[in-house]
């Protein structure tokens, strides 16, 4: 094709880059995200794009790994469940978060999500976990409201800088704090045997965290849950 002055001056059709604060539909968000393979985490929350800054080691990377070890160990001993590390989750046309971790019941075992033909989670996972800087973050603001509205049954937020772990459980459509029992152990209502010693987690005592989890996995409630998932 011979270029004329008019064709040379025509703008090229390119996909705009994602920017923090963009208001986009889910389809447009996915188109732009897929065109930026160097971007590893971007989320659409209530139609607004949020892009993560560079992730630090002690305030995010290591806590993320510790939660992953805890949930991953539970998954190994609980056939019929799955753990995902930073998966994209399609909730609706304005919300496509990328939570740090999800624990879900597999669809063929009665779970609430499906996996699309292009390999994305669709629907609300039973449990979502986020590593957060503080109470001021989006994780305890807009994102918490979205997860609550869509029926994420349990939501864990590790506020690393505050030295706190929040564990919310959905009750009649509202998130309530899931309190620790008298022995200091917090026990999931949705995943029997998923037990957590928050103090040990915050003190980086992963041997204690995993020992408590193994006690939960050895419980009668967990054995009955596994049997039910695989019946």
C-alpha atoms as a PDB file:
ATOM      1  CA  UNK A   1       0.000   0.000   0.000  1.00  0.00           C
ATOM      2  CA  UNK A   2       1.345   3.408  -0.969  1.00  0.00           C
ATOM      3  CA  UNK A   3       1.105   5.887   1.865  1.00  0.00           C
ATOM      4  CA  UNK A   4      -0.330   9.284   1.088  1.00  0.00           C
ATOM      5  CA  UNK A   5      -0.088  12.300   3.305  1.00  0.00           C
ATOM      6  CA  UNK A   6      -3.602  11.585   4.590  1.00  0.00           C
ATOM      7  CA  UNK A   7      -2.862   7.946   5.540  1.00  0.00           C
ATOM      8  CA  UNK A   8       0.428   8.884   7.180  1.00  0.00           C
ATOM      9  CA  UNK A   9      -1.392  11.327   9.446  1.00  0.00           C
ATOM     10  CA  UNK A  10      -4.056   8.863  10.543  1.00  0.00           C
ATOM     11  CA  UNK A  11      -3.651   7.766  14.178  1.00  0.00           C
ATOM     12  CA  UNK A  12      -2.747   4.146  14.776  1.00  0.00           C
ATOM     13  CA  UNK A  13      -5.376   2.014  16.469  1.00  0.00           C
ATOM     14  CA  UNK A  14      -3.776   0.783  19.689  1.00  0.00           C
ATOM     15  CA  UNK A  15      -5.105  -0.675  22.939  1.00  0.00           C
ATOM     16  CA  UNK A  16      -4.872   1.969  25.683  1.00  0.00           C
ATOM     17  CA  UNK A  17      -2.811   0.979  28.726  1.00  0.00           C
ATOM     18  CA  UNK A  18      -4.372   0.303  32.100  1.00  0.00           C
ATOM     19  CA  UNK A  19      -4.121   3.213  34.512  1.00  0.00           C
ATOM     20  CA  UNK A  20      -5.035   3.445  38.188  1.00  0.00           C
ATOM     21  CA  UNK A  21      -8.457   4.994  38.527  1.00  0.00           C
ATOM     22  CA  UNK A  22      -9.705   4.101  35.034  1.00  0.00           C
ATOM     23  CA  UNK A  23     -13.445   3.444  34.883  1.00  0.00           C
ATOM     24  CA  UNK A  24     -13.938   0.428  32.632  1.00  0.00           C
ATOM     25  CA  UNK A  25     -16.293  -2.391  31.823  1.00  0.00           C
ATOM     26  CA  UNK A  26     -15.016  -5.879  32.592  1.00  0.00           C
ATOM     27  CA  UNK A  27     -14.512  -6.662  28.906  1.00  0.00           C
ATOM     28  CA  UNK A  28     -12.439  -3.524  28.341  1.00  0.00           C
ATOM     29  CA  UNK A  29     -10.475  -4.175  31.531  1.00  0.00           C
ATOM     30  CA  UNK A  30      -9.586  -7.692  30.400  1.00  0.00           C
ATOM     31  CA  UNK A  31      -8.611  -6.477  26.916  1.00  0.00           C
ATOM     32  CA  UNK A  32      -6.206  -3.892  28.310  1.00  0.00           C
ATOM     33  CA  UNK A  33      -4.855  -6.205  31.017  1.00  0.00           C
ATOM     34  CA  UNK A  34      -4.081  -8.978  28.541  1.00  0.00           C
ATOM     35  CA  UNK A  35      -2.255  -6.468  26.336  1.00  0.00           C
ATOM     36  CA  UNK A  36       0.126  -5.651  29.232  1.00  0.00           C
ATOM     37  CA  UNK A  37       1.837  -8.952  30.127  1.00  0.00           C
ATOM     38  CA  UNK A  38       4.447  -7.126  32.217  1.00  0.00           C
ATOM     39  CA  UNK A  39       1.705  -6.132  34.681  1.00  0.00           C
ATOM     40  CA  UNK A  40       1.228  -8.942  37.194  1.00  0.00           C
ATOM     41  CA  UNK A  41      -1.641  -7.633  39.280  1.00  0.00           C
ATOM     42  CA  UNK A  42      -4.532  -5.366  38.373  1.00  0.00           C
ATOM     43  CA  UNK A  43      -8.071  -5.472  39.687  1.00  0.00           C
ATOM     44  CA  UNK A  44     -11.444  -4.050  38.723  1.00  0.00           C
ATOM     45  CA  UNK A  45     -13.435  -3.066  41.816  1.00  0.00           C
ATOM     46  CA  UNK A  46     -16.809  -1.413  41.360  1.00  0.00           C
ATOM     47  CA  UNK A  47     -15.800  -0.475  37.818  1.00  0.00           C
ATOM     48  CA  UNK A  48     -12.532   1.219  38.890  1.00  0.00           C
ATOM     49  CA  UNK A  49      -9.045  -0.089  38.069  1.00  0.00           C
ATOM     50  CA  UNK A  50      -6.619  -0.669  40.936  1.00  0.00           C
ATOM     51  CA  UNK A  51      -3.027  -1.593  40.169  1.00  0.00           C
ATOM     52  CA  UNK A  52      -0.643  -2.843  42.826  1.00  0.00           C
ATOM     53  CA  UNK A  53       2.633  -1.113  43.541  1.00  0.00           C
ATOM     54  CA  UNK A  54       5.839  -3.133  43.711  1.00  0.00           C
ATOM     55  CA  UNK A  55       5.445  -5.757  46.437  1.00  0.00           C
ATOM     56  CA  UNK A  56       7.846  -5.668  49.362  1.00  0.00           C
ATOM     57  CA  UNK A  57       9.298  -8.772  50.979  1.00  0.00           C
ATOM     58  CA  UNK A  58       8.570  -8.543  54.721  1.00  0.00           C
ATOM     59  CA  UNK A  59       5.288  -6.657  54.410  1.00  0.00           C
ATOM     60  CA  UNK A  60       3.847  -8.814  51.649  1.00  0.00           C
ATOM     61  CA  UNK A  61       5.988 -11.519  50.058  1.00  0.00           C
ATOM     62  CA  UNK A  62       6.750 -13.583  53.145  1.00  0.00           C
ATOM     63  CA  UNK A  63       3.309 -13.223  54.786  1.00  0.00           C
ATOM     64  CA  UNK A  64       1.766 -14.249  51.467  1.00  0.00           C
ATOM     65  CA  UNK A  65       3.925 -17.361  51.419  1.00  0.00           C
ATOM     66  CA  UNK A  66       3.053 -18.246  55.033  1.00  0.00           C
ATOM     67  CA  UNK A  67      -0.687 -18.091  54.321  1.00  0.00           C
ATOM     68  CA  UNK A  68      -0.122 -20.069  51.146  1.00  0.00           C
ATOM     69  CA  UNK A  69       1.695 -22.817  53.103  1.00  0.00           C
ATOM     70  CA  UNK A  70      -1.162 -22.945  55.634  1.00  0.00           C
ATOM     71  CA  UNK A  71      -3.929 -23.129  53.019  1.00  0.00           C
ATOM     72  CA  UNK A  72      -1.906 -25.386  50.723  1.00  0.00           C
ATOM     73  CA  UNK A  73      -1.339 -27.898  53.521  1.00  0.00           C
ATOM     74  CA  UNK A  74      -5.068 -27.957  54.224  1.00  0.00           C
ATOM     75  CA  UNK A  75      -5.783 -28.580  50.553  1.00  0.00           C
ATOM     76  CA  UNK A  76      -3.368 -31.543  50.433  1.00  0.00           C
ATOM     77  CA  UNK A  77      -5.310 -33.289  53.208  1.00  0.00           C
ATOM     78  CA  UNK A  78      -8.754 -32.235  51.960  1.00  0.00           C
ATOM     79  CA  UNK A  79      -9.539 -33.818  48.580  1.00  0.00           C
ATOM     80  CA  UNK A  80     -12.279 -31.877  46.828  1.00  0.00           C
ATOM     81  CA  UNK A  81     -10.811 -28.464  47.649  1.00  0.00           C
ATOM     82  CA  UNK A  82      -8.451 -26.221  45.700  1.00  0.00           C
ATOM     83  CA  UNK A  83      -6.143 -23.309  46.504  1.00  0.00           C
ATOM     84  CA  UNK A  84      -5.322 -20.537  44.050  1.00  0.00           C
ATOM     85  CA  UNK A  85      -2.447 -18.045  44.323  1.00  0.00           C
ATOM     86  CA  UNK A  86      -3.502 -14.627  42.962  1.00  0.00           C
ATOM     87  CA  UNK A  87      -6.133 -15.931  40.522  1.00  0.00           C
ATOM     88  CA  UNK A  88      -8.395 -13.587  38.599  1.00  0.00           C
ATOM     89  CA  UNK A  89     -11.998 -13.919  39.785  1.00  0.00           C
ATOM     90  CA  UNK A  90     -14.919 -12.788  37.641  1.00  0.00           C
ATOM     91  CA  UNK A  91     -17.697 -11.653  39.962  1.00  0.00           C
ATOM     92  CA  UNK A  92     -19.805  -9.358  37.773  1.00  0.00           C
ATOM     93  CA  UNK A  93     -19.459  -6.774  34.996  1.00  0.00           C
ATOM     94  CA  UNK A  94     -17.803  -4.232  37.314  1.00  0.00           C
ATOM     95  CA  UNK A  95     -15.790  -6.476  39.621  1.00  0.00           C
ATOM     96  CA  UNK A  96     -12.860  -8.670  38.701  1.00  0.00           C
ATOM     97  CA  UNK A  97     -10.532  -8.874  41.705  1.00  0.00           C
ATOM     98  CA  UNK A  98      -7.275 -10.789  41.887  1.00  0.00           C
ATOM     99  CA  UNK A  99      -7.138 -11.866  45.538  1.00  0.00           C
ATOM    100  CA  UNK A 100      -3.857 -12.971  47.049  1.00  0.00           C
ATOM    101  CA  UNK A 101      -5.253 -16.437  47.836  1.00  0.00           C
ATOM    102  CA  UNK A 102      -8.488 -18.343  47.478  1.00  0.00           C
ATOM    103  CA  UNK A 103      -9.627 -21.624  48.988  1.00  0.00           C
ATOM    104  CA  UNK A 104     -12.592 -23.187  47.228  1.00  0.00           C
ATOM    105  CA  UNK A 105     -14.603 -26.336  46.974  1.00  0.00           C
ATOM    106  CA  UNK A 106     -14.204 -27.912  43.564  1.00  0.00           C
ATOM    107  CA  UNK A 107     -17.269 -27.511  41.324  1.00  0.00           C
ATOM    108  CA  UNK A 108     -17.767 -31.274  40.993  1.00  0.00           C
ATOM    109  CA  UNK A 109     -17.795 -31.577  44.791  1.00  0.00           C
ATOM    110  CA  UNK A 110     -20.567 -29.044  45.324  1.00  0.00           C
ATOM    111  CA  UNK A 111     -18.555 -25.824  45.143  1.00  0.00           C
ATOM    112  CA  UNK A 112     -20.036 -22.462  44.258  1.00  0.00           C
ATOM    113  CA  UNK A 113     -17.619 -21.399  41.497  1.00  0.00           C
ATOM    114  CA  UNK A 114     -17.048 -22.538  37.950  1.00  0.00           C
ATOM    115  CA  UNK A 115     -13.906 -22.325  35.835  1.00  0.00           C
ATOM    116  CA  UNK A 116     -14.455 -20.747  32.426  1.00  0.00           C
ATOM    117  CA  UNK A 117     -13.233 -22.140  29.124  1.00  0.00           C
ATOM    118  CA  UNK A 118     -10.438 -19.539  29.218  1.00  0.00           C
ATOM    119  CA  UNK A 119      -9.442 -20.731  32.725  1.00  0.00           C
ATOM    120  CA  UNK A 120     -10.794 -17.965  34.967  1.00  0.00           C
ATOM    121  CA  UNK A 121     -12.742 -18.433  38.207  1.00  0.00           C
ATOM    122  CA  UNK A 122     -16.337 -17.295  37.817  1.00  0.00           C
ATOM    123  CA  UNK A 123     -18.403 -16.732  40.933  1.00  0.00           C
ATOM    124  CA  UNK A 124     -17.482 -16.268  44.565  1.00  0.00           C
ATOM    125  CA  UNK A 125     -14.900 -18.636  46.123  1.00  0.00           C
ATOM    126  CA  UNK A 126     -15.833 -19.961  49.544  1.00  0.00           C
ATOM    127  CA  UNK A 127     -12.788 -18.291  51.174  1.00  0.00           C
ATOM    128  CA  UNK A 128     -10.632 -15.348  50.110  1.00  0.00           C
ATOM    129  CA  UNK A 129      -7.446 -14.148  51.836  1.00  0.00           C
ATOM    130  CA  UNK A 130      -5.639 -10.849  51.306  1.00  0.00           C
ATOM    131  CA  UNK A 131      -2.330  -9.481  52.580  1.00  0.00           C
ATOM    132  CA  UNK A 132      -2.963  -5.845  53.454  1.00  0.00           C
ATOM    133  CA  UNK A 133      -0.841  -2.965  54.646  1.00  0.00           C
ATOM    134  CA  UNK A 134      -3.302  -1.513  57.173  1.00  0.00           C
ATOM    135  CA  UNK A 135      -6.947  -0.781  57.980  1.00  0.00           C
ATOM    136  CA  UNK A 136      -6.857   2.061  55.449  1.00  0.00           C
ATOM    137  CA  UNK A 137      -6.462  -0.274  52.481  1.00  0.00           C
ATOM    138  CA  UNK A 138      -8.988  -1.162  49.795  1.00  0.00           C
ATOM    139  CA  UNK A 139      -9.093  -4.703  51.215  1.00  0.00           C
ATOM    140  CA  UNK A 140     -11.152  -3.516  54.209  1.00  0.00           C
ATOM    141  CA  UNK A 141     -13.091  -0.955  52.177  1.00  0.00           C
ATOM    142  CA  UNK A 142     -14.576  -1.388  48.732  1.00  0.00           C
ATOM    143  CA  UNK A 143     -13.250  -4.902  48.224  1.00  0.00           C
ATOM    144  CA  UNK A 144     -14.741  -6.169  51.489  1.00  0.00           C
ATOM    145  CA  UNK A 145     -18.151  -4.815  50.455  1.00  0.00           C
ATOM    146  CA  UNK A 146     -17.876  -6.517  47.059  1.00  0.00           C
ATOM    147  CA  UNK A 147     -16.939  -9.879  48.582  1.00  0.00           C
ATOM    148  CA  UNK A 148     -19.779  -9.580  51.095  1.00  0.00           C
ATOM    149  CA  UNK A 149     -22.319  -8.706  48.409  1.00  0.00           C
ATOM    150  CA  UNK A 150     -21.272 -11.616  46.213  1.00  0.00           C
ATOM    151  CA  UNK A 151     -21.370 -14.148  49.013  1.00  0.00           C
ATOM    152  CA  UNK A 152     -17.716 -14.979  49.735  1.00  0.00           C
ATOM    153  CA  UNK A 153     -18.359 -17.067  52.838  1.00  0.00           C
ATOM    154  CA  UNK A 154     -15.133 -16.279  54.705  1.00  0.00           C
ATOM    155  CA  UNK A 155     -12.693 -13.428  54.236  1.00  0.00           C
ATOM    156  CA  UNK A 156      -9.257 -13.204  55.871  1.00  0.00           C
ATOM    157  CA  UNK A 157      -7.252  -9.973  55.883  1.00  0.00           C
ATOM    158  CA  UNK A 158      -3.739 -10.023  57.346  1.00  0.00           C
ATOM    159  CA  UNK A 159      -2.924  -6.408  58.250  1.00  0.00           C
ATOM    160  CA  UNK A 160       0.827  -6.786  58.391  1.00  0.00           C
ATOM    161  CA  UNK A 161       1.748  -3.272  59.515  1.00  0.00           C
ATOM    162  CA  UNK A 162      -0.959  -3.311  62.197  1.00  0.00           C
ATOM    163  CA  UNK A 163       0.018  -6.779  63.417  1.00  0.00           C
ATOM    164  CA  UNK A 164      -3.553  -8.084  63.119  1.00  0.00           C
ATOM    165  CA  UNK A 165      -5.400 -10.850  61.296  1.00  0.00           C
ATOM    166  CA  UNK A 166      -9.102 -10.252  60.614  1.00  0.00           C
ATOM    167  CA  UNK A 167     -11.264 -13.268  59.804  1.00  0.00           C
ATOM    168  CA  UNK A 168     -14.798 -12.477  58.705  1.00  0.00           C
ATOM    169  CA  UNK A 169     -17.618 -14.983  58.274  1.00  0.00           C
ATOM    170  CA  UNK A 170     -20.783 -14.267  56.323  1.00  0.00           C
ATOM    171  CA  UNK A 171     -23.880 -14.387  58.522  1.00  0.00           C
ATOM    172  CA  UNK A 172     -27.268 -13.441  57.035  1.00  0.00           C
ATOM    173  CA  UNK A 173     -25.526 -11.487  54.273  1.00  0.00           C
ATOM    174  CA  UNK A 174     -23.237  -9.519  56.614  1.00  0.00           C
ATOM    175  CA  UNK A 175     -19.633 -10.078  57.644  1.00  0.00           C
ATOM    176  CA  UNK A 176     -19.110 -10.777  61.320  1.00  0.00           C
ATOM    177  CA  UNK A 177     -15.783 -11.253  63.091  1.00  0.00           C
ATOM    178  CA  UNK A 178     -14.991 -14.935  63.479  1.00  0.00           C
ATOM    179  CA  UNK A 179     -13.766 -15.045  67.045  1.00  0.00           C
ATOM    180  CA  UNK A 180     -11.106 -17.352  68.436  1.00  0.00           C
ATOM    181  CA  UNK A 181     -12.217 -20.035  70.853  1.00  0.00           C
ATOM    182  CA  UNK A 182     -11.113 -20.118  74.490  1.00  0.00           C
ATOM    183  CA  UNK A 183      -7.942 -21.977  73.501  1.00  0.00           C
ATOM    184  CA  UNK A 184      -6.900 -19.134  71.206  1.00  0.00           C
ATOM    185  CA  UNK A 185      -7.624 -21.061  68.013  1.00  0.00           C
ATOM    186  CA  UNK A 186      -9.840 -19.680  65.236  1.00  0.00           C
ATOM    187  CA  UNK A 187     -11.832 -22.373  63.457  1.00  0.00           C
ATOM    188  CA  UNK A 188     -13.395 -22.007  60.030  1.00  0.00           C
ATOM    189  CA  UNK A 189     -17.149 -22.522  59.810  1.00  0.00           C
ATOM    190  CA  UNK A 190     -17.029 -23.380  56.113  1.00  0.00           C
ATOM    191  CA  UNK A 191     -13.940 -25.610  56.026  1.00  0.00           C
ATOM    192  CA  UNK A 192     -13.954 -27.987  59.014  1.00  0.00           C
ATOM    193  CA  UNK A 193     -10.424 -28.569  60.280  1.00  0.00           C
ATOM    194  CA  UNK A 194      -9.068 -25.263  58.972  1.00  0.00           C
ATOM    195  CA  UNK A 195      -7.724 -24.059  62.293  1.00  0.00           C
ATOM    196  CA  UNK A 196      -5.452 -21.062  62.858  1.00  0.00           C
ATOM    197  CA  UNK A 197      -3.411 -19.833  65.788  1.00  0.00           C
ATOM    198  CA  UNK A 198      -3.297 -16.139  64.871  1.00  0.00           C
ATOM    199  CA  UNK A 199      -0.712 -15.321  67.525  1.00  0.00           C
ATOM    200  CA  UNK A 200       1.658 -17.947  66.163  1.00  0.00           C
ATOM    201  CA  UNK A 201       1.146 -16.646  62.627  1.00  0.00           C
ATOM    202  CA  UNK A 202       1.898 -13.076  63.674  1.00  0.00           C
ATOM    203  CA  UNK A 203       4.975 -14.268  65.593  1.00  0.00           C
ATOM    204  CA  UNK A 204       6.231 -16.112  62.494  1.00  0.00           C
ATOM    205  CA  UNK A 205       5.995 -19.441  64.326  1.00  0.00           C
ATOM    206  CA  UNK A 206       4.967 -21.542  61.339  1.00  0.00           C
ATOM    207  CA  UNK A 207       5.766 -24.799  63.141  1.00  0.00           C
ATOM    208  CA  UNK A 208       3.051 -23.948  65.667  1.00  0.00           C
ATOM    209  CA  UNK A 209       0.685 -22.800  62.886  1.00  0.00           C
ATOM    210  CA  UNK A 210       1.066 -26.117  61.075  1.00  0.00           C
ATOM    211  CA  UNK A 211       0.829 -28.169  64.279  1.00  0.00           C
ATOM    212  CA  UNK A 212      -2.516 -26.545  65.080  1.00  0.00           C
ATOM    213  CA  UNK A 213      -3.674 -27.125  61.514  1.00  0.00           C
ATOM    214  CA  UNK A 214      -2.711 -30.796  61.740  1.00  0.00           C
ATOM    215  CA  UNK A 215      -4.858 -31.078  64.868  1.00  0.00           C
ATOM    216  CA  UNK A 216      -7.753 -29.684  62.876  1.00  0.00           C
ATOM    217  CA  UNK A 217      -7.095 -32.068  60.003  1.00  0.00           C
ATOM    218  CA  UNK A 218      -7.129 -34.973  62.478  1.00  0.00           C
ATOM    219  CA  UNK A 219     -10.514 -33.945  63.881  1.00  0.00           C
ATOM    220  CA  UNK A 220     -13.690 -35.958  63.381  1.00  0.00           C
ATOM    221  CA  UNK A 221     -15.297 -32.905  61.768  1.00  0.00           C
ATOM    222  CA  UNK A 222     -12.636 -32.758  59.076  1.00  0.00           C
ATOM    223  CA  UNK A 223     -12.893 -36.464  58.335  1.00  0.00           C
ATOM    224  CA  UNK A 224     -16.667 -36.142  57.924  1.00  0.00           C
ATOM    225  CA  UNK A 225     -16.206 -33.114  55.641  1.00  0.00           C
ATOM    226  CA  UNK A 226     -13.802 -34.993  53.352  1.00  0.00           C
ATOM    227  CA  UNK A 227     -16.201 -37.934  53.193  1.00  0.00           C
ATOM    228  CA  UNK A 228     -19.060 -35.595  52.283  1.00  0.00           C
ATOM    229  CA  UNK A 229     -17.061 -33.837  49.540  1.00  0.00           C
ATOM    230  CA  UNK A 230     -16.140 -37.124  47.927  1.00  0.00           C
ATOM    231  CA  UNK A 231     -19.411 -39.004  48.309  1.00  0.00           C
END
